[in-house]
Amino acid sequence: MTAIYIPGKPVAEKIENQIKDQAIEFERHAGRKPGLATILVGNDSSSERYIAIKQKKGVELGFKTEHSHLDENSTTQDLLKVIEEYNRDSSIDSMLIQYPTPAQIDFDYCLSAVMPQKDADGMHPLNMGKLALSIPGPIPCTPAAIEELLKFYEIPVAGRHVAILGRGLTLGRPLSLLLSQKREYADAAVSILHSGFKEWPSITKVADIVVAAAGVPGILKKEHVREGAVVVGAGVRYSGKTLLSDVEEDVDQVASYITPRVGGVGPMTVAMLYMNTIKAAFGSLN
């Protein structure tokens, strides 16, 4: 069996076209562009790369974008001051604190200081609680991207077994909440796994859909996946400028559908960031 590749770019383009139209509509009503602010603390090269991509995409989509870059020695109080400025700024509908932050920053405390309605990443404790309770709110971007990817390619999820390898707060845990909800494009039985559980391959081997989200290059191998399963590679790590996937190349020999090692979920994550932002912008009109 040779897997059919399911790239994220066509999905991202469809979503971005919708967002462009919505941004025009918002500007017509509000007399201003929808606004996203990004905050970076320190000089992590990968984070700088991600921020540049997000800022560039915002301009393309018709958004106002602002950015605050704090130096490596900044304190929690320094970051809180910037957050409060964006909280008060009515032209900023949503904000993102780029993770990771330097060790001296209390990231969780700072995240809690963001107004929940301006949480672009869906990571505020209140918004995570809404997700757990199936209450509408901003959804973490990568889980939302994975749901949209499966929907776009008409891959059924309801009633199927989804195994998620990775329990991270930004991906594995919220994705398990999202796909287990009783909704049209979810309603799955979800197993959430991690590398500390040595028998995880026995679970991925029987799953209908496997999401690799561990951030460990090559952790998911051919022998860990049953023939005909759907495989989504969502965990990545950079080695210099090279992007390394959690999914080994030979997995495409057994999967029915698989994301490409480059250009899978990634292009959609930024689109979902702006989807959260445009929803926040329209919410500000109410």
C-alpha atoms as a PDB file:
ATOM      1  CA  MET A   1       0.000   0.000   0.000  1.00  0.00           C
ATOM      2  CA  THR A   2       1.185   3.499  -0.819  1.00  0.00           C
ATOM      3  CA  ALA A   3      -0.462   6.273   1.144  1.00  0.00           C
ATOM      4  CA  ILE A   4      -2.310   9.207  -0.388  1.00  0.00           C
ATOM      5  CA  TYR A   5      -0.717  12.448   0.767  1.00  0.00           C
ATOM      6  CA  ILE A   6      -2.972  15.026   2.412  1.00  0.00           C
ATOM      7  CA  PRO A   7      -1.104  18.367   2.361  1.00  0.00           C
ATOM      8  CA  GLY A   8      -2.219  21.301   4.465  1.00  0.00           C
ATOM      9  CA  LYS A   9      -1.678  24.032   1.876  1.00  0.00           C
ATOM     10  CA  PRO A  10      -4.984  23.582  -0.036  1.00  0.00           C
ATOM     11  CA  VAL A  11      -6.871  23.585   3.267  1.00  0.00           C
ATOM     12  CA  ALA A  12      -5.028  26.669   4.483  1.00  0.00           C
ATOM     13  CA  GLU A  13      -5.745  28.512   1.222  1.00  0.00           C
ATOM     14  CA  LYS A  14      -9.472  27.774   1.506  1.00  0.00           C
ATOM     15  CA  ILE A  15      -9.574  29.020   5.104  1.00  0.00           C
ATOM     16  CA  GLU A  16      -7.449  32.080   4.319  1.00  0.00           C
ATOM     17  CA  ASN A  17      -9.769  33.105   1.486  1.00  0.00           C
ATOM     18  CA  GLN A  18     -12.668  32.999   3.939  1.00  0.00           C
ATOM     19  CA  ILE A  19     -10.685  35.050   6.455  1.00  0.00           C
ATOM     20  CA  LYS A  20      -9.786  37.672   3.826  1.00  0.00           C
ATOM     21  CA  ASP A  21     -13.458  38.170   3.014  1.00  0.00           C
ATOM     22  CA  GLN A  22     -14.309  38.373   6.718  1.00  0.00           C
ATOM     23  CA  ALA A  23     -11.529  40.924   7.315  1.00  0.00           C
ATOM     24  CA  ILE A  24     -12.954  43.142   4.568  1.00  0.00           C
ATOM     25  CA  GLU A  25     -16.431  42.794   6.042  1.00  0.00           C
ATOM     26  CA  PHE A  26     -15.144  43.648   9.522  1.00  0.00           C
ATOM     27  CA  GLU A  27     -13.329  46.753   8.283  1.00  0.00           C
ATOM     28  CA  ARG A  28     -16.514  47.885   6.543  1.00  0.00           C
ATOM     29  CA  HIS A  29     -18.443  47.640   9.806  1.00  0.00           C
ATOM     30  CA  ALA A  30     -15.789  48.759  12.288  1.00  0.00           C
ATOM     31  CA  GLY A  31     -13.879  51.338  10.253  1.00  0.00           C
ATOM     32  CA  ARG A  32     -10.592  49.622  11.077  1.00  0.00           C
ATOM     33  CA  LYS A  33      -8.705  46.440  10.267  1.00  0.00           C
ATOM     34  CA  PRO A  34      -8.861  43.485  12.663  1.00  0.00           C
ATOM     35  CA  GLY A  35      -5.724  43.511  14.814  1.00  0.00           C
ATOM     36  CA  LEU A  36      -3.312  40.852  16.054  1.00  0.00           C
ATOM     37  CA  ALA A  37      -0.342  41.519  18.350  1.00  0.00           C
ATOM     38  CA  THR A  38       2.542  39.109  18.831  1.00  0.00           C
ATOM     39  CA  ILE A  39       4.980  39.156  21.744  1.00  0.00           C
ATOM     40  CA  LEU A  40       8.411  37.536  21.731  1.00  0.00           C
ATOM     41  CA  VAL A  41      10.763  37.391  24.711  1.00  0.00           C
ATOM     42  CA  GLY A  42      14.385  36.529  23.957  1.00  0.00           C
ATOM     43  CA  ASN A  43      16.154  35.490  20.777  1.00  0.00           C
ATOM     44  CA  ASP A  44      15.104  31.922  20.057  1.00  0.00           C
ATOM     45  CA  SER A  45      15.725  31.521  16.329  1.00  0.00           C
ATOM     46  CA  SER A  46      12.791  29.171  15.718  1.00  0.00           C
ATOM     47  CA  SER A  47      10.433  31.525  17.542  1.00  0.00           C
ATOM     48  CA  GLU A  48      11.695  34.478  15.507  1.00  0.00           C
ATOM     49  CA  ARG A  49      11.041  32.463  12.346  1.00  0.00           C
ATOM     50  CA  TYR A  50       7.491  31.614  13.439  1.00  0.00           C
ATOM     51  CA  ILE A  51       6.731  35.230  14.354  1.00  0.00           C
ATOM     52  CA  ALA A  52       7.967  36.472  10.971  1.00  0.00           C
ATOM     53  CA  ILE A  53       5.674  33.993   9.199  1.00  0.00           C
ATOM     54  CA  LYS A  54       2.678  35.025  11.316  1.00  0.00           C
ATOM     55  CA  GLN A  55       3.284  38.731  10.788  1.00  0.00           C
ATOM     56  CA  LYS A  56       3.708  38.333   7.024  1.00  0.00           C
ATOM     57  CA  LYS A  57       0.522  36.293   6.746  1.00  0.00           C
ATOM     58  CA  GLY A  58      -1.434  38.906   8.699  1.00  0.00           C
ATOM     59  CA  VAL A  59      -0.534  41.613   6.189  1.00  0.00           C
ATOM     60  CA  GLU A  60      -1.558  39.316   3.316  1.00  0.00           C
ATOM     61  CA  LEU A  61      -4.930  38.678   4.943  1.00  0.00           C
ATOM     62  CA  GLY A  62      -5.705  42.354   5.551  1.00  0.00           C
ATOM     63  CA  PHE A  63      -4.999  42.556   9.286  1.00  0.00           C
ATOM     64  CA  LYS A  64      -3.273  45.161  11.385  1.00  0.00           C
ATOM     65  CA  THR A  65      -0.269  43.440  12.956  1.00  0.00           C
ATOM     66  CA  GLU A  66       1.839  44.684  15.833  1.00  0.00           C
ATOM     67  CA  HIS A  67       4.851  43.097  17.469  1.00  0.00           C
ATOM     68  CA  SER A  68       6.698  43.579  20.759  1.00  0.00           C
ATOM     69  CA  HIS A  69      10.145  42.027  21.154  1.00  0.00           C
ATOM     70  CA  LEU A  70      11.518  41.960  24.700  1.00  0.00           C
ATOM     71  CA  ASP A  71      15.149  41.127  25.347  1.00  0.00           C
ATOM     72  CA  GLU A  72      16.446  37.893  26.889  1.00  0.00           C
ATOM     73  CA  ASN A  73      16.783  39.396  30.375  1.00  0.00           C
ATOM     74  CA  SER A  74      13.223  40.715  30.590  1.00  0.00           C
ATOM     75  CA  THR A  75      11.189  39.871  33.677  1.00  0.00           C
ATOM     76  CA  THR A  76       7.674  38.620  34.214  1.00  0.00           C
ATOM     77  CA  GLN A  77       6.690  42.167  35.143  1.00  0.00           C
ATOM     78  CA  ASP A  78       8.115  43.478  31.858  1.00  0.00           C
ATOM     79  CA  LEU A  79       5.974  41.014  29.929  1.00  0.00           C
ATOM     80  CA  LEU A  80       2.890  41.776  32.029  1.00  0.00           C
ATOM     81  CA  LYS A  81       3.260  45.459  31.202  1.00  0.00           C
ATOM     82  CA  VAL A  82       3.155  44.730  27.465  1.00  0.00           C
ATOM     83  CA  ILE A  83       0.174  42.396  27.889  1.00  0.00           C
ATOM     84  CA  GLU A  84      -1.748  45.053  29.796  1.00  0.00           C
ATOM     85  CA  GLU A  85      -1.060  47.604  27.050  1.00  0.00           C
ATOM     86  CA  TYR A  86      -2.525  45.260  24.443  1.00  0.00           C
ATOM     87  CA  ASN A  87      -5.448  44.400  26.737  1.00  0.00           C
ATOM     88  CA  ARG A  88      -6.353  48.107  26.820  1.00  0.00           C
ATOM     89  CA  ASP A  89      -5.743  48.715  23.106  1.00  0.00           C
ATOM     90  CA  SER A  90      -9.131  48.572  21.346  1.00  0.00           C
ATOM     91  CA  SER A  91      -7.426  48.201  17.951  1.00  0.00           C
ATOM     92  CA  ILE A  92      -5.921  44.854  19.037  1.00  0.00           C
ATOM     93  CA  ASP A  93      -8.484  42.072  18.954  1.00  0.00           C
ATOM     94  CA  SER A  94      -6.156  39.203  19.764  1.00  0.00           C
ATOM     95  CA  MET A  95      -2.633  38.595  21.033  1.00  0.00           C
ATOM     96  CA  LEU A  96      -0.114  35.777  21.074  1.00  0.00           C
ATOM     97  CA  ILE A  97       2.776  35.253  23.492  1.00  0.00           C
ATOM     98  CA  GLN A  98       5.304  33.150  21.589  1.00  0.00           C
ATOM     99  CA  TYR A  99       6.390  30.055  23.517  1.00  0.00           C
ATOM    100  CA  PRO A 100       8.940  29.157  24.839  1.00  0.00           C
ATOM    101  CA  THR A 101       9.933  32.126  26.980  1.00  0.00           C
ATOM    102  CA  PRO A 102      13.176  32.419  28.989  1.00  0.00           C
ATOM    103  CA  ALA A 103      13.315  30.476  32.268  1.00  0.00           C
ATOM    104  CA  GLN A 104      12.818  33.541  34.498  1.00  0.00           C
ATOM    105  CA  ILE A 105       9.432  34.300  32.897  1.00  0.00           C
ATOM    106  CA  ASP A 106       6.344  32.844  34.594  1.00  0.00           C
ATOM    107  CA  PHE A 107       4.627  31.987  31.324  1.00  0.00           C
ATOM    108  CA  ASP A 108       1.454  30.526  32.854  1.00  0.00           C
ATOM    109  CA  TYR A 109       0.932  33.588  35.030  1.00  0.00           C
ATOM    110  CA  CYS A 110       1.418  35.896  32.050  1.00  0.00           C
ATOM    111  CA  LEU A 111      -0.928  33.830  29.891  1.00  0.00           C
ATOM    112  CA  SER A 112      -3.601  34.182  32.572  1.00  0.00           C
ATOM    113  CA  ALA A 113      -3.186  37.973  32.403  1.00  0.00           C
ATOM    114  CA  VAL A 114      -4.324  38.041  28.765  1.00  0.00           C
ATOM    115  CA  MET A 115      -8.000  38.939  28.411  1.00  0.00           C
ATOM    116  CA  PRO A 116      -9.673  35.600  27.516  1.00  0.00           C
ATOM    117  CA  GLN A 117     -11.444  37.191  24.542  1.00  0.00           C
ATOM    118  CA  LYS A 118      -8.056  38.350  23.202  1.00  0.00           C
ATOM    119  CA  ASP A 119      -6.407  34.932  23.513  1.00  0.00           C
ATOM    120  CA  ALA A 120      -5.301  34.171  19.939  1.00  0.00           C
ATOM    121  CA  ASP A 121      -3.899  30.743  20.790  1.00  0.00           C
ATOM    122  CA  GLY A 122      -6.860  29.444  22.802  1.00  0.00           C
ATOM    123  CA  MET A 123      -4.534  28.611  25.701  1.00  0.00           C
ATOM    124  CA  HIS A 124      -5.953  30.821  28.457  1.00  0.00           C
ATOM    125  CA  PRO A 125      -7.230  28.656  31.371  1.00  0.00           C
ATOM    126  CA  LEU A 126     -10.776  29.934  30.826  1.00  0.00           C
ATOM    127  CA  ASN A 127     -10.694  29.014  27.144  1.00  0.00           C
ATOM    128  CA  MET A 128      -9.215  25.583  27.865  1.00  0.00           C
ATOM    129  CA  GLY A 129     -12.080  25.099  30.310  1.00  0.00           C
ATOM    130  CA  LYS A 130     -14.573  26.061  27.611  1.00  0.00           C
ATOM    131  CA  LEU A 131     -13.012  23.480  25.299  1.00  0.00           C
ATOM    132  CA  ALA A 132     -13.341  20.803  27.993  1.00  0.00           C
ATOM    133  CA  LEU A 133     -17.020  21.712  28.426  1.00  0.00           C
ATOM    134  CA  SER A 134     -17.739  22.033  24.670  1.00  0.00           C
ATOM    135  CA  ILE A 135     -18.517  25.745  25.055  1.00  0.00           C
ATOM    136  CA  PRO A 136     -17.638  27.879  21.989  1.00  0.00           C
ATOM    137  CA  GLY A 137     -14.387  29.834  22.273  1.00  0.00           C
ATOM    138  CA  PRO A 138     -10.940  30.133  20.680  1.00  0.00           C
ATOM    139  CA  ILE A 139      -9.458  26.682  20.045  1.00  0.00           C
ATOM    140  CA  PRO A 140      -5.692  26.005  20.182  1.00  0.00           C
ATOM    141  CA  CYS A 141      -4.448  26.479  16.645  1.00  0.00           C
ATOM    142  CA  THR A 142      -2.771  23.165  15.828  1.00  0.00           C
ATOM    143  CA  PRO A 143      -5.627  20.988  17.133  1.00  0.00           C
ATOM    144  CA  ALA A 144      -8.086  23.163  15.185  1.00  0.00           C
ATOM    145  CA  ALA A 145      -5.879  22.749  12.098  1.00  0.00           C
ATOM    146  CA  ILE A 146      -5.901  18.950  12.415  1.00  0.00           C
ATOM    147  CA  GLU A 147      -9.687  18.881  12.691  1.00  0.00           C
ATOM    148  CA  GLU A 148      -9.990  21.072   9.568  1.00  0.00           C
ATOM    149  CA  LEU A 149      -7.512  18.862   7.695  1.00  0.00           C
ATOM    150  CA  LEU A 150      -9.525  15.694   8.365  1.00  0.00           C
ATOM    151  CA  LYS A 151     -12.755  17.485   7.475  1.00  0.00           C
ATOM    152  CA  PHE A 152     -11.359  18.856   4.189  1.00  0.00           C
ATOM    153  CA  TYR A 153     -10.199  15.432   2.987  1.00  0.00           C
ATOM    154  CA  GLU A 154     -13.471  13.821   4.130  1.00  0.00           C
ATOM    155  CA  ILE A 155     -11.732  11.428   6.485  1.00  0.00           C
ATOM    156  CA  PRO A 156     -14.366  10.131   8.924  1.00  0.00           C
ATOM    157  CA  VAL A 157     -13.632  10.591  12.606  1.00  0.00           C
ATOM    158  CA  ALA A 158     -16.934   9.783  14.352  1.00  0.00           C
ATOM    159  CA  GLY A 159     -16.915   6.371  15.968  1.00  0.00           C
ATOM    160  CA  ARG A 160     -13.282   5.741  15.097  1.00  0.00           C
ATOM    161  CA  HIS A 161     -10.278   5.188  17.354  1.00  0.00           C
ATOM    162  CA  VAL A 162      -7.816   8.092  17.357  1.00  0.00           C
ATOM    163  CA  ALA A 163      -4.446   7.584  19.055  1.00  0.00           C
ATOM    164  CA  ILE A 164      -2.523  10.769  19.893  1.00  0.00           C
ATOM    165  CA  LEU A 165       1.164  10.261  20.659  1.00  0.00           C
ATOM    166  CA  GLY A 166       1.968  13.322  22.767  1.00  0.00           C
ATOM    167  CA  ARG A 167       0.212  14.952  25.721  1.00  0.00           C
ATOM    168  CA  GLY A 168       1.478  18.531  25.379  1.00  0.00           C
ATOM    169  CA  LEU A 169      -0.685  21.449  26.456  1.00  0.00           C
ATOM    170  CA  THR A 170      -0.642  23.079  23.011  1.00  0.00           C
ATOM    171  CA  LEU A 171      -1.450  19.966  20.981  1.00  0.00           C
ATOM    172  CA  GLY A 172      -2.071  16.509  22.441  1.00  0.00           C
ATOM    173  CA  ARG A 173      -4.326  17.387  25.367  1.00  0.00           C
ATOM    174  CA  PRO A 174      -6.564  19.941  23.613  1.00  0.00           C
ATOM    175  CA  LEU A 175      -6.780  17.740  20.500  1.00  0.00           C
ATOM    176  CA  SER A 176      -8.058  14.869  22.633  1.00  0.00           C
ATOM    177  CA  LEU A 177     -10.780  17.148  24.024  1.00  0.00           C
ATOM    178  CA  LEU A 178     -11.689  18.457  20.582  1.00  0.00           C
ATOM    179  CA  LEU A 179     -11.962  15.131  18.751  1.00  0.00           C
ATOM    180  CA  SER A 180     -13.849  13.378  21.555  1.00  0.00           C
ATOM    181  CA  GLN A 181     -16.650  15.968  21.604  1.00  0.00           C
ATOM    182  CA  LYS A 182     -20.045  14.830  20.359  1.00  0.00           C
ATOM    183  CA  ARG A 183     -20.077  16.841  17.135  1.00  0.00           C
ATOM    184  CA  GLU A 184     -20.415  16.118  13.426  1.00  0.00           C
ATOM    185  CA  TYR A 185     -16.682  16.143  12.662  1.00  0.00           C
ATOM    186  CA  ALA A 186     -15.500  14.639  15.952  1.00  0.00           C
ATOM    187  CA  ASP A 187     -17.126  12.037  18.272  1.00  0.00           C
ATOM    188  CA  ALA A 188     -14.079   9.744  18.269  1.00  0.00           C
ATOM    189  CA  ALA A 189     -12.777   7.362  20.924  1.00  0.00           C
ATOM    190  CA  VAL A 190      -9.438   8.966  21.807  1.00  0.00           C
ATOM    191  CA  SER A 191      -6.327   7.443  23.388  1.00  0.00           C
ATOM    192  CA  ILE A 192      -3.749   9.975  24.537  1.00  0.00           C
ATOM    193  CA  LEU A 193      -0.271   8.468  24.812  1.00  0.00           C
ATOM    194  CA  HIS A 194       3.263   9.560  25.644  1.00  0.00           C
ATOM    195  CA  SER A 195       6.783   8.179  25.359  1.00  0.00           C
ATOM    196  CA  GLY A 196       6.897   7.437  29.108  1.00  0.00           C
ATOM    197  CA  PHE A 197       4.311   4.689  28.495  1.00  0.00           C
ATOM    198  CA  LYS A 198       6.504   1.978  27.001  1.00  0.00           C
ATOM    199  CA  GLU A 199       3.583   0.044  25.488  1.00  0.00           C
ATOM    200  CA  TRP A 200       2.337   2.970  23.358  1.00  0.00           C
ATOM    201  CA  PRO A 201       3.025   1.085  20.078  1.00  0.00           C
ATOM    202  CA  SER A 202       0.430  -1.524  21.070  1.00  0.00           C
ATOM    203  CA  ILE A 203      -2.187   1.273  21.012  1.00  0.00           C
ATOM    204  CA  THR A 204      -1.112   3.097  17.842  1.00  0.00           C
ATOM    205  CA  LYS A 205      -0.935  -0.287  16.078  1.00  0.00           C
ATOM    206  CA  VAL A 206      -4.711  -0.782  16.392  1.00  0.00           C
ATOM    207  CA  ALA A 207      -5.869   2.839  15.927  1.00  0.00           C
ATOM    208  CA  ASP A 208      -7.790   4.065  12.878  1.00  0.00           C
ATOM    209  CA  ILE A 209      -6.120   7.482  13.013  1.00  0.00           C
ATOM    210  CA  VAL A 210      -2.698   8.183  14.542  1.00  0.00           C
ATOM    211  CA  VAL A 211      -1.556  11.706  15.342  1.00  0.00           C
ATOM    212  CA  ALA A 212       2.178  11.980  16.066  1.00  0.00           C
ATOM    213  CA  ALA A 213       2.588  14.981  18.358  1.00  0.00           C
ATOM    214  CA  ALA A 214       5.561  14.104  20.565  1.00  0.00           C
ATOM    215  CA  GLY A 215       8.177  16.441  19.081  1.00  0.00           C
ATOM    216  CA  VAL A 216      10.604  13.496  18.836  1.00  0.00           C
ATOM    217  CA  PRO A 217      11.970  13.079  15.298  1.00  0.00           C
ATOM    218  CA  GLY A 218      11.160   9.691  13.782  1.00  0.00           C
ATOM    219  CA  ILE A 219       9.382   8.313  16.849  1.00  0.00           C
ATOM    220  CA  LEU A 220       6.495   6.878  14.786  1.00  0.00           C
ATOM    221  CA  LYS A 221       7.726   4.065  12.568  1.00  0.00           C
ATOM    222  CA  LYS A 222       6.173   1.703  10.038  1.00  0.00           C
ATOM    223  CA  GLU A 223       5.796  -1.105  12.577  1.00  0.00           C
ATOM    224  CA  HIS A 224       3.814   1.181  14.916  1.00  0.00           C
ATOM    225  CA  VAL A 225       0.948   1.686  12.458  1.00  0.00           C
ATOM    226  CA  ARG A 226      -1.631  -0.790  11.181  1.00  0.00           C
ATOM    227  CA  GLU A 227      -2.172  -1.136   7.443  1.00  0.00           C
ATOM    228  CA  GLY A 228      -4.768   1.342   6.178  1.00  0.00           C
ATOM    229  CA  ALA A 229      -4.564   3.753   9.108  1.00  0.00           C
ATOM    230  CA  VAL A 230      -4.592   7.537   8.663  1.00  0.00           C
ATOM    231  CA  VAL A 231      -1.422   9.229   9.937  1.00  0.00           C
ATOM    232  CA  VAL A 232      -1.088  12.898  10.816  1.00  0.00           C
ATOM    233  CA  GLY A 233       2.396  14.168  11.609  1.00  0.00           C
ATOM    234  CA  ALA A 234       1.957  17.175  13.882  1.00  0.00           C
ATOM    235  CA  GLY A 235       5.116  17.047  15.991  1.00  0.00           C
ATOM    236  CA  VAL A 236       8.240  18.631  14.537  1.00  0.00           C
ATOM    237  CA  ARG A 237      11.647  19.775  15.693  1.00  0.00           C
ATOM    238  CA  TYR A 238      14.299  21.882  13.995  1.00  0.00           C
ATOM    239  CA  SER A 239      17.888  20.748  13.596  1.00  0.00           C
ATOM    240  CA  GLY A 240      19.497  23.983  12.483  1.00  0.00           C
ATOM    241  CA  LYS A 241      17.269  25.023   9.581  1.00  0.00           C
ATOM    242  CA  THR A 242      16.116  21.469   8.843  1.00  0.00           C
ATOM    243  CA  LEU A 243      12.589  20.523   9.908  1.00  0.00           C
ATOM    244  CA  LEU A 244      12.391  17.007  11.339  1.00  0.00           C
ATOM    245  CA  SER A 245       9.072  15.154  11.550  1.00  0.00           C
ATOM    246  CA  ASP A 246       7.860  12.737  14.230  1.00  0.00           C
ATOM    247  CA  VAL A 247       6.905  10.360  11.392  1.00  0.00           C
ATOM    248  CA  GLU A 248       9.482   8.187   9.626  1.00  0.00           C
ATOM    249  CA  GLU A 249       9.389   8.217   5.832  1.00  0.00           C
ATOM    250  CA  ASP A 250       8.519   4.528   5.478  1.00  0.00           C
ATOM    251  CA  VAL A 251       5.181   4.953   7.307  1.00  0.00           C
ATOM    252  CA  ASP A 252       3.650   5.920   3.963  1.00  0.00           C
ATOM    253  CA  GLN A 253       4.070   2.263   2.930  1.00  0.00           C
ATOM    254  CA  VAL A 254       1.326   1.147   5.337  1.00  0.00           C
ATOM    255  CA  ALA A 255      -0.921   4.208   5.851  1.00  0.00           C
ATOM    256  CA  SER A 256      -3.941   4.927   3.654  1.00  0.00           C
ATOM    257  CA  TYR A 257      -3.634   8.709   4.086  1.00  0.00           C
ATOM    258  CA  ILE A 258      -0.671  10.610   5.502  1.00  0.00           C
ATOM    259  CA  THR A 259       0.434  14.211   5.850  1.00  0.00           C
ATOM    260  CA  PRO A 260       3.655  15.124   4.027  1.00  0.00           C
ATOM    261  CA  ARG A 261       6.706  15.502   6.260  1.00  0.00           C
ATOM    262  CA  VAL A 262       6.881  19.178   5.239  1.00  0.00           C
ATOM    263  CA  GLY A 263       3.713  21.139   4.444  1.00  0.00           C
ATOM    264  CA  GLY A 264       1.277  19.060   6.452  1.00  0.00           C
ATOM    265  CA  VAL A 265      -0.362  20.684   9.448  1.00  0.00           C
ATOM    266  CA  GLY A 266       2.078  23.623   9.593  1.00  0.00           C
ATOM    267  CA  PRO A 267       0.556  25.871   6.892  1.00  0.00           C
ATOM    268  CA  MET A 268      -2.847  25.557   8.543  1.00  0.00           C
ATOM    269  CA  THR A 269      -1.753  26.498  12.051  1.00  0.00           C
ATOM    270  CA  VAL A 270      -1.189  30.132  11.094  1.00  0.00           C
ATOM    271  CA  ALA A 271      -4.522  30.200   9.265  1.00  0.00           C
ATOM    272  CA  MET A 272      -6.286  29.039  12.429  1.00  0.00           C
ATOM    273  CA  LEU A 273      -4.498  31.758  14.413  1.00  0.00           C
ATOM    274  CA  TYR A 274      -6.127  34.351  12.159  1.00  0.00           C
ATOM    275  CA  MET A 275      -9.443  32.514  12.291  1.00  0.00           C
ATOM    276  CA  ASN A 276      -9.384  32.963  16.086  1.00  0.00           C
ATOM    277  CA  THR A 277      -8.460  36.621  15.595  1.00  0.00           C
ATOM    278  CA  ILE A 278     -11.246  37.445  13.154  1.00  0.00           C
ATOM    279  CA  LYS A 279     -13.780  35.762  15.449  1.00  0.00           C
ATOM    280  CA  ALA A 280     -12.456  37.870  18.338  1.00  0.00           C
ATOM    281  CA  ALA A 281     -12.729  40.986  16.183  1.00  0.00           C
ATOM    282  CA  PHE A 282     -16.383  40.393  15.346  1.00  0.00           C
ATOM    283  CA  GLY A 283     -17.001  39.543  18.991  1.00  0.00           C
ATOM    284  CA  SER A 284     -15.710  43.017  19.922  1.00  0.00           C
ATOM    285  CA  LEU A 285     -18.549  44.590  17.917  1.00  0.00           C
ATOM    286  CA  ASN A 286     -21.180  43.011  20.150  1.00  0.00           C
END
